[in-house]
Amino acid sequence: MASPDNDLAVIVLAAGQGTRMKSKLPKVLHEVGGRSIIGHIAAELATLGATRVVLVIGPEGDAVLDSARKAAPGLRIDTVVQRDRRGTGHAALQAKSALDGFKGSILVALGDAPFVSASTFRRLVDAVRQPDRPAVCVLGVRVPDPAPYGRLVCAPDGELLRIVEAKDASAAERRIDFVNSGVMAFDGAGFFELLERIGPQNAEKEYYLTDAIALARAAGRKARVVEGSVEEWLAANDRAELAALENVFQTRARAAAMAAGVTLVDPASVWFSHDTVVGPDTVVYPSVFFGPGTSVGAGVTIKGFCHFEGVRVADGAIVGPFARLRPGAEIGAGAHIGNFVEIKNATVEAGAKINHLSYVGDARVGAKANLGAGTITCNYDGFGKYRTDIGAGAFIGSNSALVAPVAIGDGAIVAAGSVVVSDVAADAMAVARGRQETKPGWAKAFRSKAAAKKGKS
């Protein structure tokens, strides 16, 4: 049986209002790669084996909890509310009631920094579990411009001596490029007692978690540093920083896709989501957007300016250009979805073709069926939605409207320009349009009459 000393609790500081975002949405709910920032963090924490996760949220933070749970449904997550935002030390102290009696390690993560990896979190926790039992371990990063950040002053053996804020740093200390990320792990023994000793001795009159290092060392405890990457240090405080996070995510996702055998003709113009899956030998042309919930098989061709969300595309399909595949679209192996075609909540079976200017919603298109240009399924009557079923090998002529609920049998043909309101049997042909009437010479007589009339006016 594991010792309680090996338990891990995580405190996530997620109460920030994000004033500089100029948004009604809490800062940590803004999205990167189609997932909230807090969702990215929760997903990483889910792999750590944490006993408890406590979100420190603001009074409006219920949506923060919902988003975290959505990203990590198996993770035990509790919340505490920080009603007065008085600094990071004060925020972490709010978790005391939720972790009363906890004796393991405590990790403090930042709710606006989505790229700290599970492996880095683990290295921090492992550092405070070393035999000499340091009180705290800080995640440090080396940055090209450390000017505004707290410097980590370390001994030659890596022990953290102190954190010096930029305004208080000496000339030598200002040359240090190793800075505090704000992410820390603590020995849980005496953690909250340590936080309670932090005071607001600063210009902002706030309680800074970084003051825990000096207090721990003054009590004879050691402090350590684990080095992370610059990307793990990035956080979103405003829209520009949010865009920078998105850029980092997309760069990673594009590199991962190409490493897995996907051809991106113009990588910088292809956008991925956190859960996008694209199989090997798929070719993606410029200006393609993969929204959440998209899975693409192997050997697929995706032409330019396509938009996917909540979609599955099987091997060998051809999609685009300018196609929109909406949630619930399932495209079978070898199917063709052409230009200006929209598919929503519909299954297009293997080898079927919808090549031009069509809308197919709430439908099944059978294997090797062919829908001509301008075909639409009329699935909504203003109150309810209804299904259209198109059988295998059916042929739907151009500019046809299929008014649901309706079924077109296997091998049936619908004549061009038809409005189909009742089922069509297998191998039958349906013609549902007005009868053409031709009047010889009518056009010539009309022109003569019109010209004469105009001449008299």
Protein backbone atom coordinates (compact mmCIF):
# COMPACT_ATOMS: atom_id res chain seq x y z
CA MET A 1 0.00 0.00 0.00
CA ALA A 2 1.34 3.44 -1.00
CA SER A 3 2.40 5.78 1.74
CA PRO A 4 0.34 8.99 2.17
CA ASP A 5 3.67 10.79 1.81
CA ASN A 6 3.65 9.78 -1.86
CA ASP A 7 0.22 11.28 -2.50
CA LEU A 8 0.06 14.30 -4.75
CA ALA A 9 -2.32 17.24 -4.61
CA VAL A 10 -2.38 19.99 -7.19
CA ILE A 11 -3.49 23.57 -6.57
CA VAL A 12 -4.28 25.39 -9.81
CA LEU A 13 -4.40 29.18 -9.50
CA ALA A 14 -7.26 30.05 -11.85
CA ALA A 15 -9.01 33.02 -10.25
CA GLY A 16 -7.51 35.70 -12.49
CA GLN A 17 -10.05 38.00 -14.11
CA GLY A 18 -7.89 38.67 -17.12
CA THR A 19 -8.51 42.41 -17.10
CA ARG A 20 -6.11 42.94 -19.97
CA MET A 21 -8.06 40.46 -22.07
CA LYS A 22 -10.92 42.98 -22.00
CA SER A 23 -13.37 40.10 -21.92
CA LYS A 24 -16.33 38.94 -19.87
CA LEU A 25 -14.86 35.44 -20.13
CA PRO A 26 -12.44 34.34 -17.36
CA LYS A 27 -8.90 34.39 -18.67
CA VAL A 28 -8.38 30.63 -18.35
CA LEU A 29 -11.43 29.88 -20.52
CA HIS A 30 -9.96 31.46 -23.61
CA GLU A 31 -9.02 28.77 -26.10
CA VAL A 32 -5.79 27.53 -27.63
CA GLY A 33 -6.08 24.82 -30.26
CA GLY A 34 -9.82 24.54 -29.74
CA ARG A 35 -9.52 23.79 -26.02
CA SER A 36 -9.65 26.16 -23.05
CA ILE A 37 -6.36 27.01 -21.38
CA ILE A 38 -7.57 25.38 -18.16
CA GLY A 39 -8.56 22.33 -20.22
CA HIS A 40 -5.00 21.92 -21.47
CA ILE A 41 -3.71 22.02 -17.90
CA ALA A 42 -6.31 19.55 -16.63
CA ALA A 43 -5.48 17.11 -19.43
CA GLU A 44 -1.80 17.14 -18.43
CA LEU A 45 -2.61 16.75 -14.75
CA ALA A 46 -4.80 13.75 -15.53
CA THR A 47 -1.66 11.77 -16.41
CA LEU A 48 0.12 12.58 -13.13
CA GLY A 49 -1.88 10.36 -10.81
CA ALA A 50 -2.81 13.22 -8.53
CA THR A 51 -4.90 12.32 -5.49
CA ARG A 52 -6.62 15.71 -5.47
CA VAL A 53 -6.84 18.73 -7.76
CA VAL A 54 -8.10 21.99 -6.31
CA LEU A 55 -9.00 24.86 -8.61
CA VAL A 56 -8.75 28.28 -7.01
CA ILE A 57 -11.42 30.21 -8.89
CA GLY A 58 -13.11 33.57 -8.71
CA PRO A 59 -16.76 34.06 -7.76
CA GLU A 60 -17.73 33.65 -11.43
CA GLY A 61 -15.66 30.48 -11.88
CA ASP A 62 -18.22 27.66 -12.21
CA ALA A 63 -17.55 27.54 -15.95
CA VAL A 64 -13.85 27.07 -15.19
CA LEU A 65 -14.62 23.89 -13.26
CA ASP A 66 -16.90 22.62 -16.03
CA SER A 67 -14.21 23.17 -18.64
CA ALA A 68 -11.54 21.40 -16.57
CA ARG A 69 -13.80 18.42 -15.94
CA LYS A 70 -14.67 18.18 -19.63
CA ALA A 71 -10.97 17.92 -20.52
CA ALA A 72 -10.18 15.41 -17.74
CA PRO A 73 -13.42 13.57 -16.87
CA GLY A 74 -11.70 10.99 -14.67
CA LEU A 75 -9.82 13.50 -12.52
CA ARG A 76 -11.09 14.42 -9.07
CA ILE A 77 -11.39 18.21 -9.12
CA ASP A 78 -12.64 20.44 -6.32
CA THR A 79 -12.89 24.20 -6.15
CA VAL A 80 -12.31 26.96 -3.63
CA VAL A 81 -13.21 30.58 -4.24
CA GLN A 82 -10.77 33.47 -3.91
CA ARG A 83 -13.15 36.37 -3.44
CA ASP A 84 -10.48 38.99 -2.83
CA ARG A 85 -7.63 38.65 -5.29
CA ARG A 86 -4.62 39.48 -3.12
CA GLY A 87 -1.75 37.69 -4.83
CA THR A 88 -0.50 34.19 -5.54
CA GLY A 89 0.32 33.36 -1.93
CA HIS A 90 -3.15 34.35 -0.84
CA ALA A 91 -4.67 32.34 -3.71
CA ALA A 92 -2.79 29.15 -2.79
CA LEU A 93 -3.77 29.56 0.86
CA GLN A 94 -7.45 29.35 -0.12
CA ALA A 95 -6.95 25.64 -0.80
CA LYS A 96 -6.27 24.93 2.89
CA SER A 97 -9.85 23.93 3.67
CA ALA A 98 -9.97 21.53 0.72
CA LEU A 99 -6.65 19.87 1.64
CA ASP A 100 -7.04 19.71 5.40
CA GLY A 101 -4.95 16.83 6.71
CA PHE A 102 -3.20 16.17 3.40
CA LYS A 103 0.33 14.87 3.96
CA GLY A 104 1.75 14.31 0.49
CA SER A 105 3.44 16.61 -2.04
CA ILE A 106 1.68 19.74 -3.28
CA LEU A 107 2.11 21.10 -6.78
CA VAL A 108 1.08 24.69 -7.50
CA ALA A 109 0.26 25.28 -11.18
CA LEU A 110 -0.79 28.44 -12.98
CA GLY A 111 -4.17 28.40 -14.67
CA ASP A 112 -3.07 30.60 -17.58
CA ALA A 113 0.04 28.62 -18.64
CA PRO A 114 -1.16 25.72 -20.82
CA PHE A 115 2.13 24.23 -22.01
CA VAL A 116 3.76 22.88 -18.84
CA SER A 117 4.08 19.19 -19.62
CA ALA A 118 3.17 16.32 -17.33
CA SER A 119 6.81 15.23 -17.37
CA THR A 120 7.94 18.64 -16.11
CA PHE A 121 5.31 18.60 -13.38
CA ARG A 122 6.61 15.15 -12.42
CA ARG A 123 10.23 16.36 -12.25
CA LEU A 124 9.17 19.13 -9.86
CA VAL A 125 7.35 16.69 -7.62
CA ASP A 126 10.23 14.22 -7.69
CA ALA A 127 12.61 17.01 -6.63
CA VAL A 128 10.73 17.70 -3.38
CA ARG A 129 10.67 13.96 -2.63
CA GLN A 130 14.44 13.62 -2.59
CA PRO A 131 16.00 12.25 0.62
CA ASP A 132 17.05 15.71 1.83
CA ARG A 133 13.36 16.78 1.58
CA PRO A 134 13.65 20.33 0.21
CA ALA A 135 10.70 22.49 1.17
CA VAL A 136 10.10 23.80 -2.34
CA CYS A 137 11.17 23.32 -5.94
CA VAL A 138 10.65 26.10 -8.50
CA LEU A 139 10.27 25.70 -12.25
CA GLY A 140 12.82 28.00 -13.85
CA VAL A 141 13.30 28.92 -17.50
CA ARG A 142 15.98 30.70 -19.46
CA VAL A 143 14.55 33.56 -21.48
CA PRO A 144 16.10 35.86 -24.09
CA ASP A 145 14.84 39.02 -22.36
CA PRO A 146 14.68 38.54 -18.58
CA ALA A 147 14.36 42.28 -17.86
CA PRO A 148 10.97 42.36 -16.06
CA TYR A 149 11.14 38.98 -14.35
CA GLY A 150 12.28 37.61 -11.01
CA ARG A 151 15.80 36.16 -11.25
CA LEU A 152 16.63 32.76 -9.75
CA VAL A 153 19.88 33.06 -7.84
CA CYS A 154 21.35 29.58 -7.42
CA ALA A 155 24.38 28.01 -5.77
CA PRO A 156 26.83 26.04 -7.94
CA ASP A 157 25.18 22.77 -6.87
CA GLY A 158 21.79 24.01 -8.13
CA GLU A 159 20.31 24.92 -4.77
CA LEU A 160 18.00 27.92 -5.02
CA LEU A 161 19.26 30.69 -2.76
CA ARG A 162 16.67 33.36 -3.46
CA ILE A 163 14.38 34.95 -6.03
CA VAL A 164 15.26 38.58 -6.75
CA GLU A 165 12.65 40.77 -8.37
CA ALA A 166 13.89 42.85 -11.29
CA LYS A 167 13.55 46.17 -9.48
CA ASP A 168 15.64 44.88 -6.58
CA ALA A 169 18.36 43.11 -8.62
CA SER A 170 21.98 44.20 -8.62
CA ALA A 171 23.83 44.75 -11.90
CA ALA A 172 25.23 41.20 -11.71
CA GLU A 173 21.83 39.74 -10.88
CA ARG A 174 20.20 41.56 -13.81
CA ARG A 175 22.51 39.62 -16.14
CA ILE A 176 20.95 36.33 -14.97
CA ASP A 177 18.64 34.94 -17.65
CA PHE A 178 17.23 32.18 -15.43
CA VAL A 179 13.82 33.37 -14.25
CA ASN A 180 10.90 32.21 -12.14
CA SER A 181 7.96 30.68 -14.02
CA GLY A 182 5.62 30.77 -11.01
CA VAL A 183 5.08 27.00 -11.03
CA MET A 184 6.27 25.29 -7.83
CA ALA A 185 6.14 22.02 -5.92
CA PHE A 186 6.19 21.85 -2.12
CA ASP A 187 6.75 19.32 0.60
CA GLY A 188 3.24 19.12 2.00
CA ALA A 189 4.46 18.98 5.60
CA GLY A 190 3.95 22.48 6.96
CA PHE A 191 2.96 23.90 3.57
CA PHE A 192 -0.01 25.93 4.73
CA GLU A 193 1.80 27.06 7.88
CA LEU A 194 4.51 28.38 5.54
CA LEU A 195 1.93 30.25 3.44
CA GLU A 196 0.38 31.79 6.54
CA ARG A 197 3.73 33.40 7.36
CA ILE A 198 3.82 35.27 4.03
CA GLY A 199 3.09 38.96 4.48
CA PRO A 200 2.23 41.82 2.10
CA GLN A 201 5.58 43.55 2.41
CA ASN A 202 5.61 44.95 -1.13
CA ALA A 203 4.37 47.94 -3.07
CA GLU A 204 1.25 46.12 -4.22
CA LYS A 205 0.38 44.99 -0.67
CA GLU A 206 -0.15 41.45 -1.99
CA TYR A 207 0.90 38.03 -0.71
CA TYR A 208 3.48 36.55 -3.08
CA LEU A 209 4.06 32.80 -3.23
CA THR A 210 7.70 33.46 -4.12
CA ASP A 211 8.27 34.73 -0.57
CA ALA A 212 7.96 31.08 0.55
CA ILE A 213 11.53 30.42 -0.63
CA ALA A 214 13.09 32.95 1.75
CA LEU A 215 10.86 31.81 4.61
CA ALA A 216 11.72 28.15 4.05
CA ARG A 217 15.45 28.84 3.92
CA ALA A 218 15.26 30.97 7.04
CA ALA A 219 13.75 27.94 8.76
CA GLY A 220 16.70 25.78 7.68
CA ARG A 221 14.95 24.10 4.72
CA LYS A 222 16.37 23.86 1.22
CA ALA A 223 14.94 25.06 -2.08
CA ARG A 224 15.66 23.61 -5.52
CA VAL A 225 15.10 24.49 -9.17
CA VAL A 226 14.01 22.37 -12.13
CA GLU A 227 14.60 23.85 -15.58
CA GLY A 228 11.80 23.88 -18.14
CA SER A 229 11.46 25.17 -21.68
CA VAL A 230 10.60 28.72 -22.66
CA GLU A 231 7.32 27.47 -24.14
CA GLU A 232 6.30 26.06 -20.75
CA TRP A 233 6.75 29.52 -19.26
CA LEU A 234 4.37 31.21 -21.69
CA ALA A 235 1.03 32.42 -20.34
CA ALA A 236 -1.86 34.50 -21.63
CA ASN A 237 -2.53 37.86 -20.00
CA ASP A 238 -3.84 39.66 -23.07
CA ARG A 239 -4.97 38.93 -26.60
CA ALA A 240 -1.48 39.30 -28.05
CA GLU A 241 -0.12 36.70 -25.63
CA LEU A 242 -3.09 34.46 -26.41
CA ALA A 243 -2.18 34.68 -30.10
CA ALA A 244 1.42 33.80 -29.22
CA LEU A 245 0.21 30.68 -27.39
CA GLU A 246 -1.88 29.69 -30.41
CA ASN A 247 1.17 30.12 -32.64
CA VAL A 248 3.21 27.82 -30.41
CA PHE A 249 0.44 25.23 -30.41
CA GLN A 250 0.02 25.31 -34.18
CA THR A 251 3.76 25.07 -34.80
CA ARG A 252 3.92 21.97 -32.61
CA ALA A 253 0.83 20.41 -34.20
CA ARG A 254 2.09 20.97 -37.74
CA ALA A 255 5.48 19.49 -36.92
CA ALA A 256 3.85 16.45 -35.29
CA ALA A 257 1.60 15.88 -38.30
CA MET A 258 4.47 16.02 -40.77
CA ALA A 259 6.59 13.75 -38.57
CA ALA A 260 3.70 11.24 -38.68
CA GLY A 261 3.71 11.14 -42.48
CA VAL A 262 1.24 13.88 -43.41
CA THR A 263 2.06 16.23 -46.29
CA LEU A 264 1.25 19.86 -45.54
CA VAL A 265 1.75 21.76 -48.76
CA ASP A 266 1.79 25.10 -46.90
CA PRO A 267 2.16 24.25 -43.19
CA ALA A 268 1.68 27.80 -41.92
CA SER A 269 -1.83 28.01 -43.40
CA VAL A 270 -3.14 24.72 -41.92
CA TRP A 271 -4.78 24.96 -38.47
CA PHE A 272 -5.18 22.07 -36.05
CA SER A 273 -7.12 21.48 -32.86
CA HIS A 274 -5.92 19.72 -29.73
CA ASP A 275 -7.50 16.39 -30.74
CA THR A 276 -7.03 16.43 -34.52
CA VAL A 277 -5.95 13.09 -35.97
CA VAL A 278 -4.64 12.86 -39.55
CA GLY A 279 -3.37 9.60 -41.02
CA PRO A 280 -0.16 9.01 -42.99
CA ASP A 281 0.05 9.77 -46.71
CA THR A 282 -2.75 12.29 -46.42
CA VAL A 283 -2.05 15.46 -48.38
CA VAL A 284 -3.41 18.73 -47.00
CA TYR A 285 -3.40 21.71 -49.32
CA PRO A 286 -3.27 25.36 -48.13
CA SER A 287 -5.83 27.11 -45.93
CA VAL A 288 -7.46 24.11 -44.24
CA PHE A 289 -8.96 24.35 -40.75
CA PHE A 290 -9.40 21.31 -38.50
CA GLY A 291 -11.80 22.10 -35.67
CA PRO A 292 -12.24 19.94 -32.56
CA GLY A 293 -13.36 16.34 -32.95
CA THR A 294 -11.86 15.73 -36.38
CA SER A 295 -10.30 12.45 -37.47
CA VAL A 296 -8.92 11.91 -40.98
CA GLY A 297 -7.71 8.56 -42.27
CA ALA A 298 -4.73 7.61 -44.41
CA GLY A 299 -4.21 8.57 -48.03
CA VAL A 300 -6.85 11.30 -47.99
CA THR A 301 -6.58 14.33 -50.27
CA ILE A 302 -7.82 17.58 -48.72
CA LYS A 303 -7.82 20.43 -51.17
CA GLY A 304 -7.60 24.08 -50.19
CA PHE A 305 -9.97 26.19 -48.08
CA CYS A 306 -11.82 23.35 -46.35
CA HIS A 307 -13.29 23.53 -42.85
CA PHE A 308 -13.78 20.46 -40.62
CA GLU A 309 -15.38 20.15 -37.19
CA GLY A 310 -16.66 17.02 -35.45
CA VAL A 311 -15.93 14.94 -38.55
CA ARG A 312 -14.58 11.51 -39.49
CA VAL A 313 -13.05 10.98 -42.92
CA ALA A 314 -12.06 7.45 -43.97
CA ASP A 315 -9.03 6.35 -45.98
CA GLY A 316 -8.64 7.50 -49.56
CA ALA A 317 -11.38 10.11 -49.60
CA ILE A 318 -11.04 13.32 -51.57
CA VAL A 319 -12.40 16.52 -50.05
CA GLY A 320 -12.59 20.04 -51.42
CA PRO A 321 -11.68 22.61 -52.38
CA PHE A 322 -13.98 24.91 -50.40
CA ALA A 323 -15.86 22.12 -48.62
CA ARG A 324 -17.41 22.49 -45.18
CA LEU A 325 -17.83 19.35 -43.07
CA ARG A 326 -19.85 20.02 -39.92
CA PRO A 327 -20.39 17.98 -36.74
CA GLY A 328 -21.68 14.48 -37.33
CA ALA A 329 -20.33 14.18 -40.88
CA GLU A 330 -18.85 10.78 -41.65
CA ILE A 331 -17.16 10.39 -45.00
CA GLY A 332 -16.53 6.84 -46.22
CA ALA A 333 -13.48 5.36 -47.88
CA GLY A 334 -12.84 6.72 -51.36
CA ALA A 335 -15.79 9.13 -51.24
CA HIS A 336 -15.56 12.46 -53.08
CA ILE A 337 -16.77 15.69 -51.49
CA GLY A 338 -16.24 18.54 -53.91
CA ASN A 339 -16.22 22.30 -54.09
CA PHE A 340 -18.78 24.28 -52.12
CA VAL A 341 -20.34 21.18 -50.60
CA GLU A 342 -21.61 21.26 -47.01
CA ILE A 343 -22.19 18.05 -45.03
CA LYS A 344 -23.82 18.04 -41.58
CA ASN A 345 -24.84 15.08 -39.41
CA ALA A 346 -24.74 12.81 -42.43
CA THR A 347 -23.01 9.60 -43.49
CA VAL A 348 -21.53 9.50 -46.97
CA GLU A 349 -20.67 5.86 -47.62
CA ALA A 350 -17.71 4.42 -49.50
CA GLY A 351 -17.22 5.62 -53.05
CA ALA A 352 -20.14 8.06 -53.05
CA LYS A 353 -19.68 11.35 -54.90
CA ILE A 354 -21.04 14.80 -54.04
CA ASN A 355 -18.87 16.93 -56.24
CA HIS A 356 -20.48 20.36 -56.58
CA LEU A 357 -22.54 22.99 -54.81
CA SER A 358 -24.62 20.75 -52.55
CA TYR A 359 -25.99 20.67 -49.02
CA VAL A 360 -26.51 17.27 -47.35
CA GLY A 361 -27.78 17.34 -43.78
CA ASP A 362 -29.34 14.69 -41.53
CA ALA A 363 -28.90 12.06 -44.21
CA ARG A 364 -27.33 8.85 -45.42
CA VAL A 365 -25.79 8.72 -48.87
CA GLY A 366 -25.28 5.10 -49.88
CA ALA A 367 -22.14 3.57 -51.32
CA LYS A 368 -21.30 4.77 -54.84
CA ALA A 369 -24.31 7.05 -55.02
CA ASN A 370 -23.84 10.21 -57.07
CA LEU A 371 -25.40 13.58 -56.23
CA GLY A 372 -25.42 16.12 -59.04
CA ALA A 373 -24.58 19.79 -58.73
CA GLY A 374 -27.02 21.80 -56.65
CA THR A 375 -28.60 18.85 -54.86
CA ILE A 376 -29.93 19.68 -51.40
CA THR A 377 -31.64 17.75 -48.65
CA CYS A 378 -34.44 19.87 -47.22
CA ASN A 379 -34.11 18.66 -43.64
CA TYR A 380 -35.73 21.45 -41.59
CA ASP A 381 -39.31 22.75 -41.67
CA GLY A 382 -38.81 25.53 -39.14
CA PHE A 383 -39.68 23.30 -36.18
CA GLY A 384 -38.09 19.87 -36.56
CA LYS A 385 -35.32 18.14 -38.49
CA TYR A 386 -35.90 15.05 -40.61
CA ARG A 387 -33.72 12.49 -42.36
CA THR A 388 -33.11 11.70 -46.00
CA ASP A 389 -31.94 8.21 -46.98
CA ILE A 390 -30.28 7.79 -50.37
CA GLY A 391 -29.58 4.22 -51.37
CA ALA A 392 -26.45 2.64 -52.77
CA GLY A 393 -25.78 3.45 -56.40
CA ALA A 394 -28.58 6.02 -56.61
CA PHE A 395 -28.18 8.94 -58.99
CA ILE A 396 -29.62 12.33 -58.06
CA GLY A 397 -29.82 14.76 -60.98
CA SER A 398 -28.57 18.31 -60.72
CA ASN A 399 -30.60 20.97 -58.93
CA SER A 400 -32.81 18.47 -57.11
CA ALA A 401 -34.41 19.10 -53.73
CA LEU A 402 -35.12 16.07 -51.52
CA VAL A 403 -37.75 17.06 -48.97
CA ALA A 404 -37.28 15.03 -45.80
CA PRO A 405 -38.38 12.67 -44.49
CA VAL A 406 -37.82 10.82 -47.74
CA ALA A 407 -36.02 7.69 -48.98
CA ILE A 408 -34.44 7.10 -52.38
CA GLY A 409 -33.97 3.40 -53.03
CA ASP A 410 -30.85 1.60 -54.20
CA GLY A 411 -30.08 2.28 -57.85
CA ALA A 412 -32.90 4.80 -58.24
CA ILE A 413 -32.61 7.89 -60.43
CA VAL A 414 -34.03 11.32 -59.66
CA ALA A 415 -34.33 13.50 -62.74
CA ALA A 416 -32.57 16.87 -62.75
CA GLY A 417 -34.57 19.73 -61.33
CA SER A 418 -36.93 17.53 -59.32
CA VAL A 419 -38.52 18.35 -55.97
CA VAL A 420 -38.98 14.93 -54.37
CA VAL A 421 -41.54 14.76 -51.57
CA SER A 422 -42.26 11.02 -51.42
CA ASP A 423 -40.17 7.85 -51.42
CA VAL A 424 -38.65 6.51 -54.62
CA ALA A 425 -38.43 2.76 -54.98
CA ALA A 426 -35.19 0.94 -55.78
CA ASP A 427 -34.25 1.11 -59.48
CA ALA A 428 -37.15 3.48 -60.21
CA MET A 429 -36.91 6.91 -61.79
CA ALA A 430 -38.62 9.94 -60.27
CA VAL A 431 -39.45 13.04 -62.27
CA ALA A 432 -40.94 15.80 -60.14
CA ARG A 433 -40.97 19.01 -62.13
CA GLY A 434 -43.33 21.02 -64.29
CA ARG A 435 -43.94 19.74 -67.85
CA GLN A 436 -42.09 21.75 -70.49
CA GLU A 437 -44.22 23.52 -73.11
CA THR A 438 -42.63 24.89 -76.31
CA LYS A 439 -44.36 27.55 -78.48
CA PRO A 440 -42.71 27.86 -81.91
CA GLY A 441 -42.05 31.45 -83.04
CA TRP A 442 -43.29 32.99 -79.80
CA ALA A 443 -39.98 34.63 -78.95
CA LYS A 444 -39.61 36.33 -82.35
CA ALA A 445 -43.15 37.69 -82.21
CA PHE A 446 -42.57 38.96 -78.67
CA ARG A 447 -39.46 40.88 -79.69
CA SER A 448 -41.22 42.50 -82.68
CA LYS A 449 -44.17 43.58 -80.56
CA ALA A 450 -41.91 44.96 -77.84
CA ALA A 451 -39.81 46.91 -80.34
CA ALA A 452 -42.88 48.44 -81.98
CA LYS A 453 -44.27 49.49 -78.63
CA LYS A 454 -40.99 51.10 -77.66
CA GLY A 455 -40.84 53.05 -80.95
CA LYS A 456 -44.23 54.68 -80.31
CA SER A 457 -43.27 55.91 -76.83
